[in-house]
Protein backbone atom coordinates (compact mmCIF):
# COMPACT_ATOMS: atom_id res chain seq x y z
CA MET A 1 -74.30 -32.33 -70.75
CA ILE A 2 -71.20 -33.61 -71.60
CA LYS A 3 -68.98 -31.50 -69.01
CA LEU A 4 -71.02 -32.97 -66.58
CA THR A 5 -70.59 -36.93 -67.52
CA LEU A 6 -67.09 -36.56 -67.69
CA ARG A 7 -66.87 -34.98 -64.18
CA ALA A 8 -69.27 -38.02 -63.47
CA HIS A 9 -66.81 -40.19 -65.04
CA VAL A 10 -64.41 -38.80 -63.48
CA LEU A 11 -65.80 -39.10 -59.93
CA MET A 12 -66.49 -42.61 -60.13
CA PHE A 13 -63.51 -43.60 -60.99
CA ALA A 14 -61.37 -41.63 -58.06
CA LEU A 15 -64.00 -43.66 -55.49
CA LEU A 16 -62.85 -46.49 -56.91
CA ALA A 17 -59.34 -45.76 -56.82
CA MET A 18 -59.79 -44.85 -53.16
CA ILE A 19 -61.83 -47.88 -52.40
CA TYR A 20 -59.25 -50.17 -54.06
CA SER A 21 -56.25 -48.19 -52.60
CA THR A 22 -57.87 -48.47 -48.67
CA ALA A 23 -58.94 -52.35 -49.62
CA ALA A 24 -55.13 -52.78 -50.35
CA ASP A 25 -54.00 -50.85 -47.32
CA ALA A 26 -56.05 -52.96 -44.98
CA ARG A 27 -54.83 -56.39 -46.59
CA ALA A 28 -51.38 -54.94 -46.28
CA GLN A 29 -52.12 -53.73 -42.15
CA VAL A 30 -53.46 -56.72 -41.77
CA ALA A 31 -50.45 -59.13 -42.57
CA ASN A 32 -48.39 -56.60 -41.17
CA ASP A 33 -49.71 -57.55 -38.02
CA ALA A 34 -49.29 -61.31 -38.84
CA LEU A 35 -45.87 -61.69 -39.25
CA MET A 36 -45.63 -59.28 -36.36
CA LYS A 37 -46.58 -62.49 -33.85
CA LEU A 38 -44.14 -64.44 -35.03
CA PRO A 39 -40.34 -64.56 -33.32
CA ALA A 40 -37.21 -64.01 -34.89
CA SER A 41 -36.61 -65.90 -37.85
CA ASP A 42 -34.67 -66.51 -41.21
CA ALA A 43 -37.63 -66.48 -43.36
CA VAL A 44 -41.32 -65.92 -43.18
CA MET A 45 -44.64 -66.54 -44.86
CA TYR A 46 -48.17 -65.37 -44.96
CA VAL A 47 -51.22 -66.82 -45.93
CA ASP A 48 -54.59 -65.25 -46.49
CA ALA A 49 -56.01 -68.58 -45.25
CA GLU A 50 -59.86 -67.59 -45.37
CA ARG A 51 -59.04 -66.27 -48.84
CA ALA A 52 -57.27 -68.91 -50.04
CA LEU A 53 -59.62 -71.62 -48.85
CA THR A 54 -62.57 -70.21 -49.83
CA GLN A 55 -62.27 -68.05 -53.44
CA VAL A 56 -58.50 -69.37 -54.54
CA LEU A 57 -58.56 -73.60 -54.15
CA PRO A 58 -62.29 -73.20 -55.56
CA ARG A 59 -61.80 -71.96 -58.82
CA LEU A 60 -58.26 -73.26 -59.80
CA LEU A 61 -60.21 -77.27 -58.57
CA VAL A 62 -63.69 -76.29 -60.40
CA ASN A 63 -62.81 -78.84 -62.77
CA ASN A 64 -61.20 -81.10 -60.63
CA GLN A 65 -63.40 -82.42 -57.44
CA ALA A 66 -61.50 -85.14 -56.55
CA GLN A 67 -58.52 -83.01 -55.77
CA LEU A 68 -60.75 -80.67 -53.83
CA THR A 69 -62.02 -82.94 -51.89
CA GLN A 70 -58.94 -84.86 -50.90
CA ILE A 71 -57.85 -81.36 -49.61
CA ASN A 72 -60.44 -81.12 -47.90
CA GLY A 73 -59.85 -84.90 -46.58
CA ASP A 74 -56.50 -83.78 -44.77
CA ILE A 75 -57.80 -80.20 -43.51
CA ASP A 76 -60.39 -82.65 -41.58
CA ARG A 77 -58.12 -85.68 -40.40
CA PHE A 78 -55.42 -82.58 -39.51
CA ARG A 79 -58.91 -81.55 -37.44
CA GLU A 80 -59.95 -84.75 -35.79
CA ARG A 81 -55.91 -85.23 -35.16
CA THR A 82 -56.02 -81.93 -33.17
CA GLY A 83 -58.92 -80.52 -32.28
CA ILE A 84 -57.92 -77.79 -35.33
CA ASP A 85 -60.26 -76.43 -38.01
CA ALA A 86 -57.99 -74.48 -40.67
CA ARG A 87 -61.63 -73.67 -41.95
CA THR A 88 -61.81 -71.09 -38.68
CA PHE A 89 -58.47 -69.53 -39.06
CA LYS A 90 -58.61 -65.98 -40.98
CA ARG A 91 -54.58 -65.99 -41.93
CA VAL A 92 -51.86 -67.82 -40.98
CA ALA A 93 -47.86 -66.22 -40.30
CA ILE A 94 -45.24 -69.02 -40.44
CA GLY A 95 -41.39 -68.25 -38.99
CA MET A 96 -38.89 -70.30 -40.20
CA ARG A 97 -35.14 -70.34 -38.02
CA PHE A 98 -32.12 -72.22 -40.05
CA VAL A 99 -30.17 -74.13 -37.95
CA GLU A 100 -26.73 -75.00 -38.55
CA VAL A 101 -26.92 -78.66 -36.94
CA GLY A 102 -23.34 -79.37 -39.05
CA GLU A 103 -20.88 -77.86 -41.44
CA ASN A 104 -23.11 -76.99 -44.35
CA ASN A 105 -26.27 -78.60 -42.95
CA PHE A 106 -29.51 -77.14 -42.16
CA ASP A 107 -32.35 -78.16 -39.80
CA VAL A 108 -35.20 -75.82 -40.40
CA GLN A 109 -37.34 -75.20 -37.18
CA SER A 110 -40.96 -73.46 -37.82
CA VAL A 111 -44.13 -72.11 -36.58
CA ALA A 112 -47.29 -70.98 -37.36
CA ILE A 113 -49.60 -68.21 -36.18
CA ALA A 114 -53.54 -69.13 -37.08
CA SER A 115 -55.78 -66.36 -36.72
CA GLY A 116 -59.15 -67.31 -35.69
CA THR A 117 -61.43 -68.93 -33.88
CA PHE A 118 -60.68 -72.69 -31.50
CA ASN A 119 -62.37 -74.06 -28.59
CA PRO A 120 -59.83 -75.35 -26.48
CA ALA A 121 -61.21 -78.09 -25.03
CA THR A 122 -62.59 -78.99 -28.01
CA MET A 123 -58.81 -78.93 -29.34
CA THR A 124 -57.01 -80.48 -26.05
CA ALA A 125 -59.80 -83.95 -26.54
CA ALA A 126 -59.05 -83.82 -29.99
CA ALA A 127 -55.56 -84.41 -29.37
CA ARG A 128 -55.45 -86.73 -26.70
CA LEU A 129 -58.09 -88.94 -28.73
CA GLY A 130 -55.70 -88.53 -32.21
CA SER A 131 -52.49 -89.20 -30.45
CA ASN A 132 -53.14 -92.29 -28.32
CA GLY A 133 -52.42 -91.88 -25.15
CA LYS A 134 -48.74 -89.86 -26.49
CA TYR A 135 -49.99 -86.54 -24.76
CA ARG A 136 -48.73 -84.17 -22.46
CA GLU A 137 -48.44 -80.41 -20.97
CA GLU A 138 -45.67 -78.11 -19.89
CA LYS A 139 -46.16 -75.04 -18.68
CA TYR A 140 -44.70 -72.21 -20.48
CA ALA A 141 -44.48 -68.19 -19.19
CA GLY A 142 -48.13 -68.48 -18.04
CA LYS A 143 -49.56 -70.68 -21.42
CA THR A 144 -50.26 -73.90 -21.40
CA ILE A 145 -48.82 -76.19 -24.41
CA SER A 146 -49.80 -78.90 -25.70
CA LEU A 147 -47.79 -81.60 -26.43
CA PHE A 148 -49.03 -84.83 -28.51
CA THR A 149 -47.44 -87.34 -30.45
CA LEU A 150 -48.46 -88.43 -33.60
CA SER A 151 -48.21 -91.66 -35.35
CA GLU A 152 -48.05 -90.53 -38.98
CA GLN A 153 -47.74 -88.44 -41.19
CA ILE A 154 -49.89 -85.81 -41.34
CA LYS A 155 -50.48 -81.95 -43.41
CA LEU A 156 -50.05 -79.07 -40.45
CA LEU A 157 -53.83 -77.15 -40.66
CA GLY A 158 -54.27 -79.64 -43.75
CA VAL A 159 -52.16 -78.42 -46.63
CA MET A 160 -48.42 -78.90 -45.45
CA ASN A 161 -46.52 -81.85 -44.72
CA MET A 162 -45.41 -82.78 -41.68
CA SER A 163 -43.87 -85.77 -40.80
CA ALA A 164 -45.32 -88.28 -37.53
CA GLY A 165 -43.70 -87.33 -34.74
CA GLU A 166 -43.97 -83.94 -31.39
CA ILE A 167 -45.95 -81.13 -32.16
CA ALA A 168 -47.04 -78.46 -29.92
CA VAL A 169 -49.42 -76.84 -29.72
CA ALA A 170 -50.36 -73.22 -28.02
CA PRO A 171 -53.14 -70.56 -27.41
CA LEU A 172 -51.47 -66.65 -27.78
CA ASP A 173 -54.84 -64.99 -27.39
CA ALA A 174 -58.35 -66.10 -27.63
CA THR A 175 -58.11 -66.02 -31.36
CA THR A 176 -54.60 -67.26 -32.21
CA LEU A 177 -52.88 -70.44 -31.52
CA ALA A 178 -49.22 -70.91 -31.84
CA ILE A 179 -48.29 -74.79 -33.77
CA GLY A 180 -45.24 -76.76 -34.56
CA GLN A 181 -41.79 -77.87 -33.21
CA ALA A 182 -41.83 -77.20 -29.13
CA ALA A 183 -39.21 -75.06 -30.12
CA GLY A 184 -40.95 -72.80 -32.09
CA VAL A 185 -44.14 -72.79 -30.12
CA ARG A 186 -42.32 -71.39 -26.97
CA ALA A 187 -40.80 -68.52 -29.22
CA ALA A 188 -44.07 -67.62 -29.79
CA ILE A 189 -45.01 -67.63 -26.39
CA ASP A 190 -41.79 -65.29 -25.57
CA ALA A 191 -42.54 -63.29 -29.35
CA ALA A 192 -46.46 -62.46 -28.05
CA GLN A 193 -45.36 -60.99 -24.71
CA GLY A 194 -43.44 -58.46 -26.79
CA SER A 195 -39.45 -60.59 -26.43
CA ASN A 196 -37.52 -61.29 -29.78
CA ARG A 197 -39.88 -60.35 -32.37
CA ALA A 198 -39.28 -61.18 -35.63
CA SER A 199 -37.66 -58.42 -37.30
CA ALA A 200 -38.83 -55.18 -39.49
CA ASP A 201 -37.00 -56.05 -42.47
CA ILE A 202 -38.04 -59.76 -42.97
CA ILE A 203 -42.03 -58.72 -42.27
CA GLY A 204 -40.82 -55.77 -44.69
CA LEU A 205 -40.02 -58.07 -47.58
CA ALA A 206 -43.13 -60.01 -47.19
CA THR A 207 -45.63 -57.70 -47.49
CA GLN A 208 -44.48 -55.93 -50.81
CA ASN A 209 -47.62 -56.94 -52.65
CA ALA A 210 -51.28 -55.98 -50.46
CA ASN A 211 -53.22 -57.26 -52.95
CA ALA A 212 -51.40 -60.89 -52.24
CA PHE A 213 -52.83 -64.23 -50.41
CA PHE A 214 -49.68 -65.93 -50.57
CA SER A 215 -46.02 -64.16 -49.70
CA PHE A 216 -43.25 -64.69 -48.55
CA GLY A 217 -39.47 -63.58 -47.96
CA GLY A 218 -36.43 -63.61 -45.72
CA ASN A 219 -32.71 -63.69 -45.28
CA VAL A 220 -30.03 -66.99 -47.57
CA PRO A 221 -27.65 -67.82 -45.47
CA SER A 222 -24.36 -67.58 -47.19
CA SER A 223 -23.67 -71.20 -46.78
CA PHE A 224 -26.66 -72.29 -48.22
CA VAL A 225 -25.40 -73.62 -51.31
CA GLN A 226 -21.32 -74.03 -50.93
CA ASN A 227 -23.75 -78.21 -51.08
CA LEU A 228 -25.35 -77.56 -53.66
CA ASP A 229 -23.83 -78.96 -57.42
CA PHE A 230 -24.75 -76.74 -60.32
CA GLY A 231 -22.82 -78.35 -62.54
CA ASN A 232 -21.56 -74.66 -63.10
CA GLU A 233 -19.85 -72.44 -61.10
CA GLU A 234 -21.13 -69.56 -63.05
CA ILE A 235 -24.66 -70.50 -61.70
CA LYS A 236 -22.74 -70.94 -59.15
CA ARG A 237 -21.69 -67.63 -58.13
CA GLY A 238 -25.01 -65.93 -59.16
CA VAL A 239 -27.22 -67.99 -56.37
CA ALA A 240 -24.24 -67.27 -53.98
CA SER A 241 -24.30 -63.82 -54.62
CA ILE A 242 -27.87 -63.69 -53.68
CA ARG A 243 -28.54 -62.01 -50.03
CA GLN A 244 -32.43 -62.06 -50.04
CA VAL A 245 -35.50 -63.29 -51.49
CA TYR A 246 -39.27 -62.68 -51.45
CA GLY A 247 -42.30 -62.86 -53.63
CA SER A 248 -46.09 -63.68 -53.58
CA VAL A 249 -49.20 -64.97 -55.56
CA SER A 250 -52.18 -63.05 -56.04
CA THR A 251 -54.67 -63.09 -58.14
CA THR A 252 -55.43 -60.84 -61.80
CA ALA A 253 -58.66 -60.97 -63.75
CA LYS A 254 -57.64 -64.21 -66.22
CA GLY A 255 -55.32 -65.92 -63.45
CA PHE A 256 -52.83 -65.50 -61.54
CA GLN A 257 -49.71 -63.49 -61.49
CA VAL A 258 -46.48 -65.05 -59.34
CA THR A 259 -43.44 -62.59 -58.43
CA THR A 260 -40.12 -63.78 -56.80
CA THR A 261 -37.01 -61.23 -56.19
CA ALA A 262 -33.81 -62.15 -55.42
CA ARG A 263 -31.60 -59.37 -53.43
CA THR A 264 -27.54 -59.18 -54.13
CA ALA A 265 -24.74 -58.51 -52.29
CA GLU A 266 -24.64 -55.18 -54.71
CA ALA A 267 -25.44 -54.37 -58.36
CA GLY A 268 -22.79 -55.77 -59.92
CA ALA A 269 -23.69 -59.17 -58.70
CA ALA A 270 -27.24 -58.60 -60.10
CA GLN A 271 -26.60 -56.86 -63.04
CA SER A 272 -24.68 -60.73 -63.88
CA LEU A 273 -26.93 -63.08 -62.09
CA GLY A 274 -29.59 -61.57 -65.14
CA SER A 275 -27.03 -62.51 -67.35
CA THR A 276 -26.63 -65.74 -66.45
CA ILE A 277 -30.42 -66.48 -66.24
CA ASP A 278 -30.27 -64.66 -69.55
CA ALA A 279 -28.18 -67.84 -71.43
CA LEU A 280 -30.05 -70.41 -69.72
CA ARG A 281 -33.27 -68.70 -71.17
CA GLN A 282 -31.29 -68.70 -74.56
CA LEU A 283 -30.88 -72.65 -74.01
CA ALA A 284 -34.83 -74.07 -72.25
CA PRO A 285 -36.50 -73.71 -75.31
CA LEU A 286 -33.93 -76.90 -76.25
CA LEU A 287 -35.41 -79.20 -73.20
CA THR A 288 -39.46 -77.82 -73.66
CA GLY A 289 -39.25 -78.92 -76.62
CA THR A 290 -38.10 -82.39 -76.20
CA MET A 291 -41.73 -82.22 -72.89
CA ARG A 292 -44.87 -83.89 -74.14
CA GLY A 293 -48.41 -83.25 -72.54
CA ASP A 294 -49.76 -81.48 -69.75
CA ASN A 295 -45.39 -81.21 -68.48
CA GLY A 296 -44.63 -79.52 -71.48
CA ARG A 297 -47.39 -76.83 -71.69
CA LEU A 298 -46.48 -75.90 -68.66
CA ALA A 299 -43.43 -75.59 -68.24
CA ARG A 300 -43.53 -73.41 -72.40
CA ALA A 301 -46.54 -71.10 -70.78
CA ALA A 302 -43.55 -70.90 -68.26
CA LEU A 303 -40.71 -69.78 -70.45
CA ASP A 304 -43.41 -67.47 -72.88
CA ASN A 305 -44.75 -65.61 -69.72
CA LEU A 306 -41.59 -65.38 -67.60
CA LYS A 307 -40.17 -61.20 -67.32
CA VAL A 308 -36.84 -61.10 -65.96
CA GLN A 309 -36.00 -57.20 -64.59
CA ILE A 310 -32.99 -56.56 -62.81
CA VAL A 311 -33.30 -53.00 -60.57
CA GLY A 312 -30.38 -51.82 -58.98
CA ASN A 313 -29.11 -54.70 -55.98
CA GLU A 314 -32.20 -56.95 -57.71
CA VAL A 315 -33.60 -59.46 -59.78
CA LYS A 316 -37.29 -59.43 -60.45
CA PHE A 317 -39.30 -62.53 -61.41
CA SER A 318 -43.17 -62.10 -63.14
CA LEU A 319 -44.58 -65.23 -64.17
CA GLU A 320 -48.85 -64.18 -65.24
CA MET A 321 -50.32 -68.04 -65.41
CA SER A 322 -53.74 -68.30 -66.49
CA ASP A 323 -56.45 -70.63 -64.27
CA GLY A 324 -56.05 -73.46 -66.45
CA ASP A 325 -52.12 -73.44 -66.04
CA VAL A 326 -52.74 -73.15 -62.67
CA ALA A 327 -54.85 -75.44 -62.33
CA LEU A 328 -52.77 -78.64 -64.00
CA LEU A 329 -49.96 -77.30 -61.50
CA VAL A 330 -52.21 -78.17 -57.99
CA PRO A 331 -51.96 -82.07 -58.88
CA ARG A 332 -48.28 -81.40 -59.01
CA ILE A 333 -48.27 -79.72 -55.46
CA PHE A 334 -50.86 -82.10 -53.97
CA PRO A 335 -50.28 -85.60 -55.86
CA ASN A 336 -54.15 -87.03 -55.74
CA ARG A 337 -53.79 -90.56 -53.57
CA ALA A 338 -55.93 -92.13 -55.11
CA ALA A 339 -54.44 -92.03 -58.36
CA ARG A 340 -51.12 -93.10 -56.80
């Protein structure tokens, strides 16, 4: 009887492990497929939109209904202006290009590829109404791009701030939309037709964690930090050695895990950067000790839970955050306008 019980437990755990592994593999493939639709990019992000809106946000804001109402209001406002309802999208991939517009100055050009369900006719009608007549269409590579001008700042898909100006939208297929600046949407159409897609290297950076609902990866231009003042040359050299970054946010039983990895030019640079970070961590309590209230609590919790590991030419950061700590952080990311 004991042998049978042990065998049953082994089989049960083996089955659960297989199911978990299969589900993780499926999620990784979904993320990879979404990112592969992006045009050539210097950096990419992936959001499991369905999971974020239906599971993560309600979990975070269970005790902050005002904040949840505001976010839902932003989503509704974007839908009213554009005809695009973020709630109908299952996943969103975002590609960014860093375009140098002057010496050590960069402009970020971005495009979002959203997969889900939408009605092109409803979208076009709402876009015309929301733009107060500042609407036009253009044909490109057999696709129709809707371009409309917003007279006020709006949140892209109800989540990310987008300045007033022209926004372009084009259906790539029956379930996929390209949204963003006109140049980015045109590039997305080209990518959908097999031309100049995001590189496998960049996509690979953003798909390291199969369980993440948010992930990112990208190259760091060597001139990015030239005009940044860190107040310390050693810190500046360490940051300047970073060639790529990637990371993710995933849920745990008690909260969230945030990971970020800085990939440097070579192992020696990673060791030097890691030493600099260790020195800063030893000084950090002097600063966090003077912080009061929720800000102080968040800073001290982050410092206590932050883990730093050096592996080859990479410096890996891992931070475990409780539901309560992340709930305190959310209003700082999405300020409550009613409270202003």
